[in-house]
Amino acid sequence: MGPERIAEMTAQVSRLLATRLGARGPDLEARVASRARALPRKVRRAAGVLVAAERSARAPKIARQLDARAIEAAFATCRDYLEPLGASERLRAAALSAGGAIAFIVLVVGLALLGAKLWIEGA
């Protein structure tokens, strides 16, 4: 397993942590540290394996000696936990957004009708 593949996997997990859990930080290590309590123990351990792999991947000779199966398994564990996370929240947010837009339109149309009625009666 090359350093490019490790960087790709850690970037994807880092991006998922940021979007799904709101993790902050410049790299995977910082993002895992910022949201460690929100992760189950199994996922936290898998993220630790990816962080260690990311550190080791900076040296190409060491990167070739890493256990590819363990890194792939850790990546799969993190991805499987983080990808579906927040699906119901996103659906709820979309429904609230649509409901708010409809309520605003009904309010504007109602005010326009009331204004027209008052203008016609006043003339």
N, C-alpha and C. Protein backbone atom coordinates (compact mmCIF):
# COMPACT_ATOMS: atom_id res chain seq x y z
N MET A 1 0.85 -1.17 0.00
CA MET A 1 0.00 0.00 0.00
C MET A 1 0.90 1.24 0.00
N GLY A 2 0.62 2.13 -0.93
CA GLY A 2 1.45 3.31 -1.07
C GLY A 2 0.98 4.47 -0.23
N PRO A 3 1.84 5.46 -0.08
CA PRO A 3 1.49 6.64 0.70
C PRO A 3 0.30 7.41 0.12
N GLU A 4 0.13 7.34 -1.21
CA GLU A 4 -0.98 8.05 -1.85
C GLU A 4 -2.31 7.48 -1.40
N ARG A 5 -2.40 6.15 -1.36
CA ARG A 5 -3.64 5.49 -0.95
C ARG A 5 -3.94 5.78 0.52
N ILE A 6 -2.92 5.78 1.35
CA ILE A 6 -3.13 6.09 2.77
C ILE A 6 -3.61 7.53 2.92
N ALA A 7 -3.01 8.45 2.18
CA ALA A 7 -3.42 9.85 2.25
C ALA A 7 -4.86 10.01 1.76
N GLU A 8 -5.23 9.27 0.74
CA GLU A 8 -6.59 9.33 0.21
C GLU A 8 -7.60 8.83 1.26
N MET A 9 -7.27 7.72 1.91
CA MET A 9 -8.18 7.17 2.93
C MET A 9 -8.31 8.10 4.13
N THR A 10 -7.18 8.63 4.61
CA THR A 10 -7.25 9.53 5.77
C THR A 10 -7.97 10.82 5.42
N ALA A 11 -7.82 11.30 4.19
CA ALA A 11 -8.53 12.51 3.77
C ALA A 11 -10.03 12.27 3.75
N GLN A 12 -10.45 11.10 3.29
CA GLN A 12 -11.88 10.80 3.23
C GLN A 12 -12.46 10.70 4.65
N VAL A 13 -11.78 10.02 5.54
CA VAL A 13 -12.27 9.90 6.92
C VAL A 13 -12.27 11.28 7.59
N SER A 14 -11.25 12.07 7.33
CA SER A 14 -11.17 13.41 7.89
C SER A 14 -12.34 14.27 7.40
N ARG A 15 -12.64 14.17 6.13
CA ARG A 15 -13.75 14.93 5.55
C ARG A 15 -15.09 14.47 6.16
N LEU A 16 -15.26 13.16 6.33
CA LEU A 16 -16.48 12.64 6.93
C LEU A 16 -16.63 13.10 8.38
N LEU A 17 -15.54 13.13 9.11
CA LEU A 17 -15.59 13.61 10.50
C LEU A 17 -16.02 15.07 10.55
N ALA A 18 -15.51 15.86 9.62
CA ALA A 18 -15.85 17.28 9.60
C ALA A 18 -17.32 17.49 9.22
N THR A 19 -17.80 16.77 8.21
CA THR A 19 -19.17 17.01 7.76
C THR A 19 -20.21 16.37 8.66
N ARG A 20 -19.94 15.18 9.16
CA ARG A 20 -20.94 14.46 9.95
C ARG A 20 -20.94 14.84 11.42
N LEU A 21 -19.76 15.09 11.98
CA LEU A 21 -19.67 15.36 13.41
C LEU A 21 -19.20 16.78 13.73
N GLY A 22 -18.85 17.56 12.72
CA GLY A 22 -18.38 18.91 12.96
C GLY A 22 -16.99 18.98 13.57
N ALA A 23 -16.16 17.99 13.28
CA ALA A 23 -14.80 17.97 13.82
C ALA A 23 -13.99 19.10 13.23
N ARG A 24 -13.10 19.64 14.04
CA ARG A 24 -12.26 20.75 13.59
C ARG A 24 -10.81 20.36 13.67
N GLY A 25 -10.02 20.95 12.80
CA GLY A 25 -8.59 20.71 12.80
C GLY A 25 -8.06 20.57 11.40
N PRO A 26 -6.75 20.72 11.24
CA PRO A 26 -6.16 20.68 9.90
C PRO A 26 -5.97 19.27 9.33
N ASP A 27 -5.85 18.28 10.22
CA ASP A 27 -5.59 16.93 9.73
C ASP A 27 -6.44 15.93 10.51
N LEU A 28 -6.32 14.68 10.15
CA LEU A 28 -7.12 13.63 10.77
C LEU A 28 -6.86 13.53 12.27
N GLU A 29 -5.62 13.63 12.67
CA GLU A 29 -5.28 13.51 14.08
C GLU A 29 -6.00 14.56 14.92
N ALA A 30 -5.99 15.80 14.46
CA ALA A 30 -6.64 16.88 15.19
C ALA A 30 -8.15 16.71 15.20
N ARG A 31 -8.70 16.26 14.08
CA ARG A 31 -10.15 16.08 14.01
C ARG A 31 -10.63 14.93 14.89
N VAL A 32 -9.85 13.86 14.94
CA VAL A 32 -10.21 12.75 15.82
C VAL A 32 -10.11 13.20 17.27
N ALA A 33 -9.09 13.96 17.60
CA ALA A 33 -8.93 14.45 18.97
C ALA A 33 -10.08 15.37 19.36
N SER A 34 -10.57 16.18 18.42
CA SER A 34 -11.63 17.12 18.74
C SER A 34 -12.97 16.44 18.97
N ARG A 35 -13.20 15.29 18.35
CA ARG A 35 -14.49 14.61 18.48
C ARG A 35 -14.36 13.20 19.04
N ALA A 36 -13.30 12.92 19.79
CA ALA A 36 -13.04 11.57 20.29
C ALA A 36 -14.17 11.04 21.16
N ARG A 37 -14.78 11.88 21.96
CA ARG A 37 -15.85 11.42 22.85
C ARG A 37 -17.12 11.07 22.10
N ALA A 38 -17.29 11.61 20.89
CA ALA A 38 -18.49 11.33 20.10
C ALA A 38 -18.38 10.02 19.34
N LEU A 39 -17.19 9.46 19.29
CA LEU A 39 -16.98 8.22 18.54
C LEU A 39 -17.04 7.00 19.45
N PRO A 40 -17.63 5.92 18.98
CA PRO A 40 -17.57 4.68 19.75
C PRO A 40 -16.13 4.18 19.86
N ARG A 41 -15.86 3.36 20.86
CA ARG A 41 -14.50 2.89 21.11
C ARG A 41 -13.90 2.20 19.88
N LYS A 42 -14.69 1.37 19.23
CA LYS A 42 -14.20 0.63 18.05
C LYS A 42 -13.78 1.59 16.93
N VAL A 43 -14.57 2.61 16.71
CA VAL A 43 -14.25 3.58 15.65
C VAL A 43 -13.07 4.45 16.07
N ARG A 44 -13.01 4.78 17.35
CA ARG A 44 -11.88 5.57 17.84
C ARG A 44 -10.55 4.82 17.66
N ARG A 45 -10.57 3.51 17.95
CA ARG A 45 -9.36 2.69 17.74
C ARG A 45 -8.99 2.63 16.26
N ALA A 46 -9.99 2.45 15.40
CA ALA A 46 -9.74 2.39 13.96
C ALA A 46 -9.18 3.72 13.46
N ALA A 47 -9.71 4.82 13.97
CA ALA A 47 -9.18 6.13 13.58
C ALA A 47 -7.75 6.29 14.06
N GLY A 48 -7.43 5.74 15.22
CA GLY A 48 -6.05 5.77 15.71
C GLY A 48 -5.10 5.01 14.80
N VAL A 49 -5.56 3.89 14.27
CA VAL A 49 -4.75 3.13 13.31
C VAL A 49 -4.49 3.97 12.07
N LEU A 50 -5.51 4.68 11.60
CA LEU A 50 -5.34 5.53 10.41
C LEU A 50 -4.41 6.70 10.70
N VAL A 51 -4.51 7.26 11.89
CA VAL A 51 -3.62 8.38 12.26
C VAL A 51 -2.16 7.90 12.28
N ALA A 52 -1.94 6.72 12.87
CA ALA A 52 -0.57 6.17 12.90
C ALA A 52 -0.08 5.86 11.49
N ALA A 53 -0.96 5.36 10.64
CA ALA A 53 -0.58 5.08 9.26
C ALA A 53 -0.27 6.36 8.50
N GLU A 54 -1.04 7.41 8.79
CA GLU A 54 -0.79 8.70 8.14
C GLU A 54 0.58 9.24 8.54
N ARG A 55 0.91 9.12 9.82
CA ARG A 55 2.23 9.57 10.27
C ARG A 55 3.34 8.76 9.62
N SER A 56 3.18 7.44 9.57
CA SER A 56 4.20 6.56 9.00
C SER A 56 4.31 6.71 7.49
N ALA A 57 3.24 7.11 6.84
CA ALA A 57 3.24 7.21 5.38
C ALA A 57 4.11 8.36 4.89
N ARG A 58 4.50 9.23 5.76
CA ARG A 58 5.36 10.35 5.35
C ARG A 58 6.74 9.85 4.94
N ALA A 59 7.13 8.69 5.44
CA ALA A 59 8.40 8.07 5.05
C ALA A 59 8.06 6.90 4.12
N PRO A 60 8.34 7.01 2.83
CA PRO A 60 7.92 5.99 1.87
C PRO A 60 8.41 4.57 2.18
N LYS A 61 9.61 4.44 2.74
CA LYS A 61 10.11 3.10 3.05
C LYS A 61 9.30 2.46 4.17
N ILE A 62 8.94 3.25 5.14
CA ILE A 62 8.13 2.73 6.25
C ILE A 62 6.71 2.47 5.77
N ALA A 63 6.21 3.29 4.87
CA ALA A 63 4.84 3.13 4.37
C ALA A 63 4.66 1.78 3.69
N ARG A 64 5.67 1.29 3.03
CA ARG A 64 5.57 -0.01 2.35
C ARG A 64 5.56 -1.17 3.34
N GLN A 65 5.99 -0.93 4.56
CA GLN A 65 6.04 -1.98 5.57
C GLN A 65 4.77 -2.06 6.41
N LEU A 66 3.85 -1.12 6.22
CA LEU A 66 2.63 -1.10 7.02
C LEU A 66 1.71 -2.26 6.65
N ASP A 67 0.90 -2.67 7.59
CA ASP A 67 -0.05 -3.75 7.39
C ASP A 67 -1.26 -3.21 6.61
N ALA A 68 -1.31 -3.54 5.33
CA ALA A 68 -2.36 -3.02 4.46
C ALA A 68 -3.74 -3.50 4.89
N ARG A 69 -3.83 -4.75 5.33
CA ARG A 69 -5.14 -5.29 5.74
C ARG A 69 -5.68 -4.55 6.96
N ALA A 70 -4.81 -4.27 7.92
CA ALA A 70 -5.25 -3.57 9.13
C ALA A 70 -5.70 -2.15 8.79
N ILE A 71 -4.98 -1.49 7.90
CA ILE A 71 -5.34 -0.13 7.51
C ILE A 71 -6.65 -0.13 6.74
N GLU A 72 -6.83 -1.07 5.82
CA GLU A 72 -8.08 -1.18 5.06
C GLU A 72 -9.25 -1.46 6.00
N ALA A 73 -9.05 -2.35 6.98
CA ALA A 73 -10.11 -2.67 7.93
C ALA A 73 -10.46 -1.45 8.78
N ALA A 74 -9.46 -0.71 9.21
CA ALA A 74 -9.70 0.50 10.01
C ALA A 74 -10.45 1.54 9.18
N PHE A 75 -10.07 1.68 7.93
CA PHE A 75 -10.75 2.61 7.03
C PHE A 75 -12.20 2.20 6.84
N ALA A 76 -12.45 0.91 6.62
CA ALA A 76 -13.81 0.43 6.43
C ALA A 76 -14.66 0.65 7.68
N THR A 77 -14.07 0.43 8.85
CA THR A 77 -14.80 0.65 10.11
C THR A 77 -15.20 2.11 10.26
N CYS A 78 -14.26 3.01 10.02
CA CYS A 78 -14.56 4.44 10.13
C CYS A 78 -15.59 4.87 9.10
N ARG A 79 -15.40 4.44 7.87
CA ARG A 79 -16.31 4.83 6.79
C ARG A 79 -17.71 4.29 7.04
N ASP A 80 -17.81 3.04 7.45
CA ASP A 80 -19.12 2.43 7.68
C ASP A 80 -19.88 3.11 8.82
N TYR A 81 -19.16 3.63 9.80
CA TYR A 81 -19.81 4.32 10.89
C TYR A 81 -20.20 5.75 10.49
N LEU A 82 -19.32 6.44 9.79
CA LEU A 82 -19.53 7.86 9.52
C LEU A 82 -20.42 8.16 8.32
N GLU A 83 -20.43 7.33 7.30
CA GLU A 83 -21.20 7.65 6.10
C GLU A 83 -22.70 7.76 6.36
N PRO A 84 -23.34 6.80 7.00
CA PRO A 84 -24.79 6.94 7.19
C PRO A 84 -25.16 7.91 8.31
N LEU A 85 -24.19 8.30 9.11
CA LEU A 85 -24.46 9.16 10.25
C LEU A 85 -25.00 10.50 9.79
N GLY A 86 -26.08 10.92 10.36
CA GLY A 86 -26.65 12.22 10.03
C GLY A 86 -27.67 12.19 8.91
N ALA A 87 -28.02 11.02 8.37
CA ALA A 87 -28.99 10.96 7.28
C ALA A 87 -30.35 11.46 7.73
N SER A 88 -30.80 11.05 8.90
CA SER A 88 -32.10 11.50 9.40
C SER A 88 -32.06 12.99 9.73
N GLU A 89 -30.94 13.46 10.22
CA GLU A 89 -30.80 14.89 10.53
C GLU A 89 -30.88 15.73 9.25
N ARG A 90 -30.23 15.26 8.19
CA ARG A 90 -30.29 15.99 6.92
C ARG A 90 -31.72 15.99 6.36
N LEU A 91 -32.44 14.88 6.50
CA LEU A 91 -33.82 14.81 6.04
C LEU A 91 -34.70 15.75 6.84
N ARG A 92 -34.51 15.79 8.14
CA ARG A 92 -35.28 16.69 8.99
C ARG A 92 -35.00 18.15 8.65
N ALA A 93 -33.75 18.48 8.40
CA ALA A 93 -33.38 19.85 8.04
C ALA A 93 -34.01 20.25 6.71
N ALA A 94 -34.02 19.33 5.75
CA ALA A 94 -34.64 19.63 4.46
C ALA A 94 -36.14 19.84 4.60
N ALA A 95 -36.80 19.02 5.43
CA ALA A 95 -38.23 19.18 5.64
C ALA A 95 -38.54 20.50 6.33
N LEU A 96 -37.74 20.87 7.32
CA LEU A 96 -37.95 22.15 8.00
C LEU A 96 -37.71 23.33 7.05
N SER A 97 -36.74 23.20 6.20
CA SER A 97 -36.46 24.26 5.23
C SER A 97 -37.62 24.43 4.26
N ALA A 98 -38.13 23.33 3.75
CA ALA A 98 -39.26 23.39 2.82
C ALA A 98 -40.49 23.95 3.54
N GLY A 99 -40.74 23.51 4.76
CA GLY A 99 -41.87 24.02 5.53
C GLY A 99 -41.77 25.51 5.80
N GLY A 100 -40.57 25.96 6.10
CA GLY A 100 -40.35 27.39 6.33
C GLY A 100 -40.59 28.21 5.08
N ALA A 101 -40.15 27.70 3.94
CA ALA A 101 -40.37 28.40 2.67
C ALA A 101 -41.85 28.49 2.35
N ILE A 102 -42.58 27.41 2.57
CA ILE A 102 -44.02 27.41 2.29
C ILE A 102 -44.74 28.38 3.24
N ALA A 103 -44.37 28.38 4.51
CA ALA A 103 -44.98 29.29 5.47
C ALA A 103 -44.71 30.75 5.09
N PHE A 104 -43.52 31.04 4.63
CA PHE A 104 -43.19 32.40 4.21
C PHE A 104 -44.04 32.82 3.01
N ILE A 105 -44.21 31.94 2.04
CA ILE A 105 -45.01 32.25 0.85
C ILE A 105 -46.46 32.48 1.25
N VAL A 106 -47.01 31.64 2.12
CA VAL A 106 -48.39 31.82 2.58
C VAL A 106 -48.53 33.16 3.30
N LEU A 107 -47.58 33.53 4.11
CA LEU A 107 -47.62 34.80 4.83
C LEU A 107 -47.59 35.98 3.86
N VAL A 108 -46.72 35.95 2.87
CA VAL A 108 -46.61 37.04 1.90
C VAL A 108 -47.90 37.16 1.10
N VAL A 109 -48.46 36.04 0.63
CA VAL A 109 -49.70 36.08 -0.14
C VAL A 109 -50.85 36.58 0.72
N GLY A 110 -50.92 36.13 1.97
CA GLY A 110 -51.97 36.60 2.88
C GLY A 110 -51.88 38.10 3.12
N LEU A 111 -50.67 38.60 3.35
CA LEU A 111 -50.50 40.04 3.55
C LEU A 111 -50.85 40.82 2.29
N ALA A 112 -50.51 40.27 1.13
CA ALA A 112 -50.85 40.94 -0.13
C ALA A 112 -52.37 40.99 -0.31
N LEU A 113 -53.07 39.92 0.00
CA LEU A 113 -54.53 39.90 -0.12
C LEU A 113 -55.18 40.86 0.88
N LEU A 114 -54.66 40.91 2.10
CA LEU A 114 -55.19 41.83 3.12
C LEU A 114 -54.95 43.27 2.69
N GLY A 115 -53.78 43.55 2.18
CA GLY A 115 -53.47 44.90 1.70
C GLY A 115 -54.37 45.30 0.53
N ALA A 116 -54.62 44.36 -0.39
CA ALA A 116 -55.50 44.66 -1.54
C ALA A 116 -56.93 44.91 -1.05
N LYS A 117 -57.38 44.13 -0.10
CA LYS A 117 -58.75 44.29 0.43
C LYS A 117 -58.89 45.65 1.10
N LEU A 118 -57.92 46.01 1.93
CA LEU A 118 -57.98 47.31 2.60
C LEU A 118 -57.88 48.46 1.61
N TRP A 119 -57.13 48.30 0.57
CA TRP A 119 -56.97 49.37 -0.43
C TRP A 119 -58.25 49.56 -1.22
N ILE A 120 -58.93 48.42 -1.58
CA ILE A 120 -60.16 48.50 -2.34
C ILE A 120 -61.29 49.09 -1.48
N GLU A 121 -61.37 48.70 -0.21
CA GLU A 121 -62.43 49.24 0.68
C GLU A 121 -62.20 50.70 0.99
N GLY A 122 -60.96 51.11 1.03
CA GLY A 122 -60.65 52.51 1.35
C GLY A 122 -60.90 53.45 0.19
N ALA A 123 -60.96 52.95 -1.03
CA ALA A 123 -61.13 53.82 -2.20
C ALA A 123 -62.53 54.17 -2.50
